[in-house]
Amino acid sequence: MTTLMLGRDNPSLSTLIEMAAKGIVIVERGNKPAFAFMPVDEEDLRTWQLGENPDFLEIMRRSWARLQTEGGISLTEARHRLLTEQ
């Protein structure tokens, strides 16, 4: 991990990208972490996009509310039901 101080170390964006390819780069402002640069793969990108998708977030909100009011089943029970329906 590399730590840079904003104002003292001012690398270009392309330099930050090159540095992040080798490991996480933390940029501090006033001795406090302000930004982190790190490499991402396709799976990381899809996960981030899904977490920012308002339609998906609404589905998750409704599902959580339904679980709170109606309850749910265990993973073991879900597997059992799926296997016996075949």
N, C-alpha and C. Protein backbone atom coordinates (compact mmCIF):
# COMPACT_ATOMS: atom_id res chain seq x y z
N MET A 1 0.85 -1.17 0.00
CA MET A 1 0.00 0.00 0.00
C MET A 1 0.89 1.24 0.00
N THR A 2 0.47 2.21 -0.79
CA THR A 2 1.20 3.47 -0.88
C THR A 2 0.31 4.59 -0.35
N THR A 3 0.90 5.50 0.39
CA THR A 3 0.15 6.65 0.91
C THR A 3 0.77 7.93 0.35
N LEU A 4 -0.10 8.79 -0.18
CA LEU A 4 0.32 10.07 -0.72
C LEU A 4 -0.39 11.18 0.04
N MET A 5 0.26 12.32 0.14
CA MET A 5 -0.32 13.48 0.82
C MET A 5 -0.74 14.50 -0.22
N LEU A 6 -2.04 14.85 -0.22
CA LEU A 6 -2.55 15.84 -1.14
C LEU A 6 -1.89 17.18 -0.84
N GLY A 7 -1.39 17.84 -1.85
CA GLY A 7 -0.68 19.11 -1.68
C GLY A 7 0.82 18.93 -1.73
N ARG A 8 1.30 17.82 -1.17
CA ARG A 8 2.73 17.53 -1.21
C ARG A 8 3.04 16.62 -2.40
N ASP A 9 2.26 15.56 -2.53
CA ASP A 9 2.41 14.61 -3.65
C ASP A 9 1.22 14.81 -4.57
N ASN A 10 1.44 15.21 -5.77
CA ASN A 10 0.34 15.45 -6.70
C ASN A 10 0.56 14.72 -8.03
N PRO A 11 0.50 13.39 -8.01
CA PRO A 11 0.69 12.66 -9.26
C PRO A 11 -0.51 12.84 -10.18
N SER A 12 -0.28 12.64 -11.45
CA SER A 12 -1.37 12.72 -12.43
C SER A 12 -2.28 11.50 -12.26
N LEU A 13 -3.44 11.58 -12.85
CA LEU A 13 -4.38 10.46 -12.78
C LEU A 13 -3.77 9.21 -13.41
N SER A 14 -3.09 9.36 -14.52
CA SER A 14 -2.47 8.20 -15.17
C SER A 14 -1.41 7.58 -14.27
N THR A 15 -0.68 8.39 -13.53
CA THR A 15 0.32 7.86 -12.60
C THR A 15 -0.37 7.12 -11.46
N LEU A 16 -1.47 7.68 -10.94
CA LEU A 16 -2.23 6.99 -9.89
C LEU A 16 -2.75 5.64 -10.36
N ILE A 17 -3.21 5.58 -11.60
CA ILE A 17 -3.70 4.32 -12.16
C ILE A 17 -2.57 3.31 -12.25
N GLU A 18 -1.42 3.75 -12.70
CA GLU A 18 -0.26 2.85 -12.78
C GLU A 18 0.15 2.37 -11.38
N MET A 19 0.13 3.26 -10.42
CA MET A 19 0.50 2.89 -9.05
C MET A 19 -0.52 1.91 -8.47
N ALA A 20 -1.80 2.14 -8.74
CA ALA A 20 -2.85 1.28 -8.20
C ALA A 20 -2.80 -0.12 -8.79
N ALA A 21 -2.25 -0.25 -9.99
CA ALA A 21 -2.11 -1.57 -10.60
C ALA A 21 -1.16 -2.45 -9.78
N LYS A 22 -0.31 -1.81 -8.99
CA LYS A 22 0.67 -2.54 -8.17
C LYS A 22 0.20 -2.71 -6.73
N GLY A 23 -0.83 -1.97 -6.33
CA GLY A 23 -1.34 -2.05 -4.97
C GLY A 23 -2.18 -0.84 -4.65
N ILE A 24 -2.87 -0.88 -3.54
CA ILE A 24 -3.76 0.20 -3.15
C ILE A 24 -2.97 1.49 -2.89
N VAL A 25 -3.52 2.61 -3.37
CA VAL A 25 -2.92 3.92 -3.15
C VAL A 25 -3.91 4.76 -2.33
N ILE A 26 -3.50 5.20 -1.17
CA ILE A 26 -4.31 6.04 -0.31
C ILE A 26 -3.84 7.48 -0.46
N VAL A 27 -4.77 8.39 -0.72
CA VAL A 27 -4.45 9.81 -0.80
C VAL A 27 -5.02 10.47 0.44
N GLU A 28 -4.15 11.12 1.19
CA GLU A 28 -4.57 11.79 2.42
C GLU A 28 -4.70 13.29 2.21
N ARG A 29 -5.65 13.86 2.94
CA ARG A 29 -5.82 15.31 2.94
C ARG A 29 -5.87 15.71 4.41
N GLY A 30 -4.93 16.52 4.85
CA GLY A 30 -4.88 16.92 6.25
C GLY A 30 -4.63 15.74 7.18
N ASN A 31 -3.76 14.83 6.77
CA ASN A 31 -3.40 13.64 7.55
C ASN A 31 -4.57 12.68 7.77
N LYS A 32 -5.62 12.80 6.95
CA LYS A 32 -6.75 11.87 7.03
C LYS A 32 -6.97 11.27 5.65
N PRO A 33 -7.26 9.97 5.58
CA PRO A 33 -7.53 9.35 4.28
C PRO A 33 -8.71 10.04 3.58
N ALA A 34 -8.52 10.38 2.32
CA ALA A 34 -9.58 11.05 1.56
C ALA A 34 -10.03 10.21 0.37
N PHE A 35 -9.09 9.49 -0.25
CA PHE A 35 -9.41 8.69 -1.43
C PHE A 35 -8.55 7.43 -1.41
N ALA A 36 -9.08 6.39 -2.05
CA ALA A 36 -8.30 5.17 -2.25
C ALA A 36 -8.40 4.80 -3.73
N PHE A 37 -7.29 4.50 -4.31
CA PHE A 37 -7.23 4.03 -5.69
C PHE A 37 -6.80 2.58 -5.65
N MET A 38 -7.55 1.73 -6.34
CA MET A 38 -7.21 0.32 -6.35
C MET A 38 -7.72 -0.30 -7.65
N PRO A 39 -7.07 -1.36 -8.08
CA PRO A 39 -7.53 -2.00 -9.30
C PRO A 39 -8.85 -2.71 -9.06
N VAL A 40 -9.69 -2.75 -10.08
CA VAL A 40 -10.95 -3.50 -10.02
C VAL A 40 -11.03 -4.42 -11.23
N ASP A 41 -11.69 -5.55 -11.02
CA ASP A 41 -11.91 -6.45 -12.14
C ASP A 41 -13.38 -6.35 -12.57
N GLU A 42 -13.76 -7.13 -13.55
CA GLU A 42 -15.13 -7.06 -14.07
C GLU A 42 -16.16 -7.40 -13.00
N GLU A 43 -15.84 -8.37 -12.15
CA GLU A 43 -16.78 -8.75 -11.09
C GLU A 43 -16.97 -7.61 -10.09
N ASP A 44 -15.89 -6.95 -9.72
CA ASP A 44 -15.99 -5.78 -8.82
C ASP A 44 -16.87 -4.70 -9.44
N LEU A 45 -16.67 -4.45 -10.72
CA LEU A 45 -17.43 -3.41 -11.41
C LEU A 45 -18.92 -3.76 -11.45
N ARG A 46 -19.25 -5.02 -11.77
CA ARG A 46 -20.66 -5.44 -11.80
C ARG A 46 -21.29 -5.32 -10.41
N THR A 47 -20.55 -5.70 -9.38
CA THR A 47 -21.07 -5.61 -8.01
C THR A 47 -21.36 -4.16 -7.66
N TRP A 48 -20.45 -3.27 -7.98
CA TRP A 48 -20.65 -1.85 -7.70
C TRP A 48 -21.86 -1.32 -8.47
N GLN A 49 -21.97 -1.68 -9.76
CA GLN A 49 -23.08 -1.20 -10.56
C GLN A 49 -24.41 -1.69 -10.01
N LEU A 50 -24.45 -2.94 -9.57
CA LEU A 50 -25.68 -3.50 -9.01
C LEU A 50 -26.06 -2.77 -7.73
N GLY A 51 -25.08 -2.47 -6.90
CA GLY A 51 -25.33 -1.76 -5.66
C GLY A 51 -25.79 -0.33 -5.85
N GLU A 52 -25.60 0.21 -7.04
CA GLU A 52 -26.02 1.58 -7.36
C GLU A 52 -27.30 1.61 -8.19
N ASN A 53 -27.82 0.43 -8.55
CA ASN A 53 -28.99 0.34 -9.42
C ASN A 53 -30.26 0.56 -8.59
N PRO A 54 -31.03 1.63 -8.87
CA PRO A 54 -32.21 1.92 -8.06
C PRO A 54 -33.28 0.83 -8.14
N ASP A 55 -33.43 0.19 -9.29
CA ASP A 55 -34.42 -0.89 -9.41
C ASP A 55 -34.05 -2.07 -8.51
N PHE A 56 -32.77 -2.45 -8.53
CA PHE A 56 -32.31 -3.55 -7.69
C PHE A 56 -32.45 -3.18 -6.21
N LEU A 57 -32.08 -1.96 -5.84
CA LEU A 57 -32.19 -1.53 -4.45
C LEU A 57 -33.64 -1.54 -3.98
N GLU A 58 -34.57 -1.20 -4.85
CA GLU A 58 -35.99 -1.24 -4.49
C GLU A 58 -36.46 -2.67 -4.29
N ILE A 59 -36.02 -3.59 -5.14
CA ILE A 59 -36.36 -5.01 -4.96
C ILE A 59 -35.83 -5.50 -3.62
N MET A 60 -34.60 -5.13 -3.29
CA MET A 60 -34.01 -5.55 -2.02
C MET A 60 -34.77 -4.94 -0.83
N ARG A 61 -35.18 -3.67 -0.95
CA ARG A 61 -35.93 -3.03 0.12
C ARG A 61 -37.26 -3.74 0.35
N ARG A 62 -37.98 -4.03 -0.74
CA ARG A 62 -39.26 -4.74 -0.61
C ARG A 62 -39.07 -6.14 -0.04
N SER A 63 -38.03 -6.83 -0.48
CA SER A 63 -37.76 -8.18 0.01
C SER A 63 -37.45 -8.16 1.50
N TRP A 64 -36.65 -7.20 1.94
CA TRP A 64 -36.30 -7.08 3.36
C TRP A 64 -37.55 -6.78 4.20
N ALA A 65 -38.40 -5.88 3.70
CA ALA A 65 -39.63 -5.54 4.41
C ALA A 65 -40.55 -6.77 4.51
N ARG A 66 -40.64 -7.51 3.44
CA ARG A 66 -41.47 -8.72 3.44
C ARG A 66 -40.91 -9.75 4.42
N LEU A 67 -39.61 -9.91 4.45
CA LEU A 67 -38.99 -10.84 5.39
C LEU A 67 -39.30 -10.43 6.83
N GLN A 68 -39.26 -9.14 7.09
CA GLN A 68 -39.53 -8.64 8.45
C GLN A 68 -40.98 -8.89 8.86
N THR A 69 -41.92 -8.77 7.93
CA THR A 69 -43.34 -8.93 8.28
C THR A 69 -43.82 -10.37 8.17
N GLU A 70 -43.31 -11.12 7.19
CA GLU A 70 -43.82 -12.47 6.95
C GLU A 70 -42.87 -13.57 7.43
N GLY A 71 -41.63 -13.21 7.72
CA GLY A 71 -40.65 -14.22 8.10
C GLY A 71 -40.08 -14.88 6.86
N GLY A 72 -39.25 -15.87 7.10
CA GLY A 72 -38.60 -16.55 5.99
C GLY A 72 -38.32 -17.99 6.35
N ILE A 73 -37.54 -18.64 5.52
CA ILE A 73 -37.14 -20.03 5.77
C ILE A 73 -35.62 -20.12 5.76
N SER A 74 -35.12 -21.18 6.34
CA SER A 74 -33.68 -21.37 6.39
C SER A 74 -33.16 -21.79 5.02
N LEU A 75 -31.86 -21.66 4.83
CA LEU A 75 -31.23 -22.09 3.60
C LEU A 75 -31.42 -23.60 3.41
N THR A 76 -31.33 -24.34 4.50
CA THR A 76 -31.53 -25.79 4.45
C THR A 76 -32.92 -26.11 3.94
N GLU A 77 -33.93 -25.41 4.46
CA GLU A 77 -35.31 -25.64 4.02
C GLU A 77 -35.49 -25.25 2.56
N ALA A 78 -34.88 -24.15 2.15
CA ALA A 78 -34.97 -23.73 0.74
C ALA A 78 -34.38 -24.79 -0.18
N ARG A 79 -33.22 -25.32 0.20
CA ARG A 79 -32.59 -26.39 -0.60
C ARG A 79 -33.49 -27.61 -0.67
N HIS A 80 -34.06 -27.99 0.48
CA HIS A 80 -34.93 -29.15 0.53
C HIS A 80 -36.12 -28.96 -0.41
N ARG A 81 -36.74 -27.80 -0.35
CA ARG A 81 -37.89 -27.52 -1.22
C ARG A 81 -37.52 -27.55 -2.69
N LEU A 82 -36.38 -26.97 -3.02
CA LEU A 82 -35.94 -26.96 -4.43
C LEU A 82 -35.64 -28.36 -4.93
N LEU A 83 -35.04 -29.18 -4.09
CA LEU A 83 -34.67 -30.54 -4.50
C LEU A 83 -35.88 -31.46 -4.60
N THR A 84 -36.90 -31.23 -3.78
CA THR A 84 -38.07 -32.11 -3.82
C THR A 84 -39.05 -31.70 -4.90
N GLU A 85 -38.92 -30.51 -5.47
CA GLU A 85 -39.82 -30.05 -6.53
C GLU A 85 -39.41 -30.60 -7.90
N GLN A 86 -38.25 -31.18 -8.01
CA GLN A 86 -37.75 -31.63 -9.32
C GLN A 86 -38.40 -32.90 -9.76
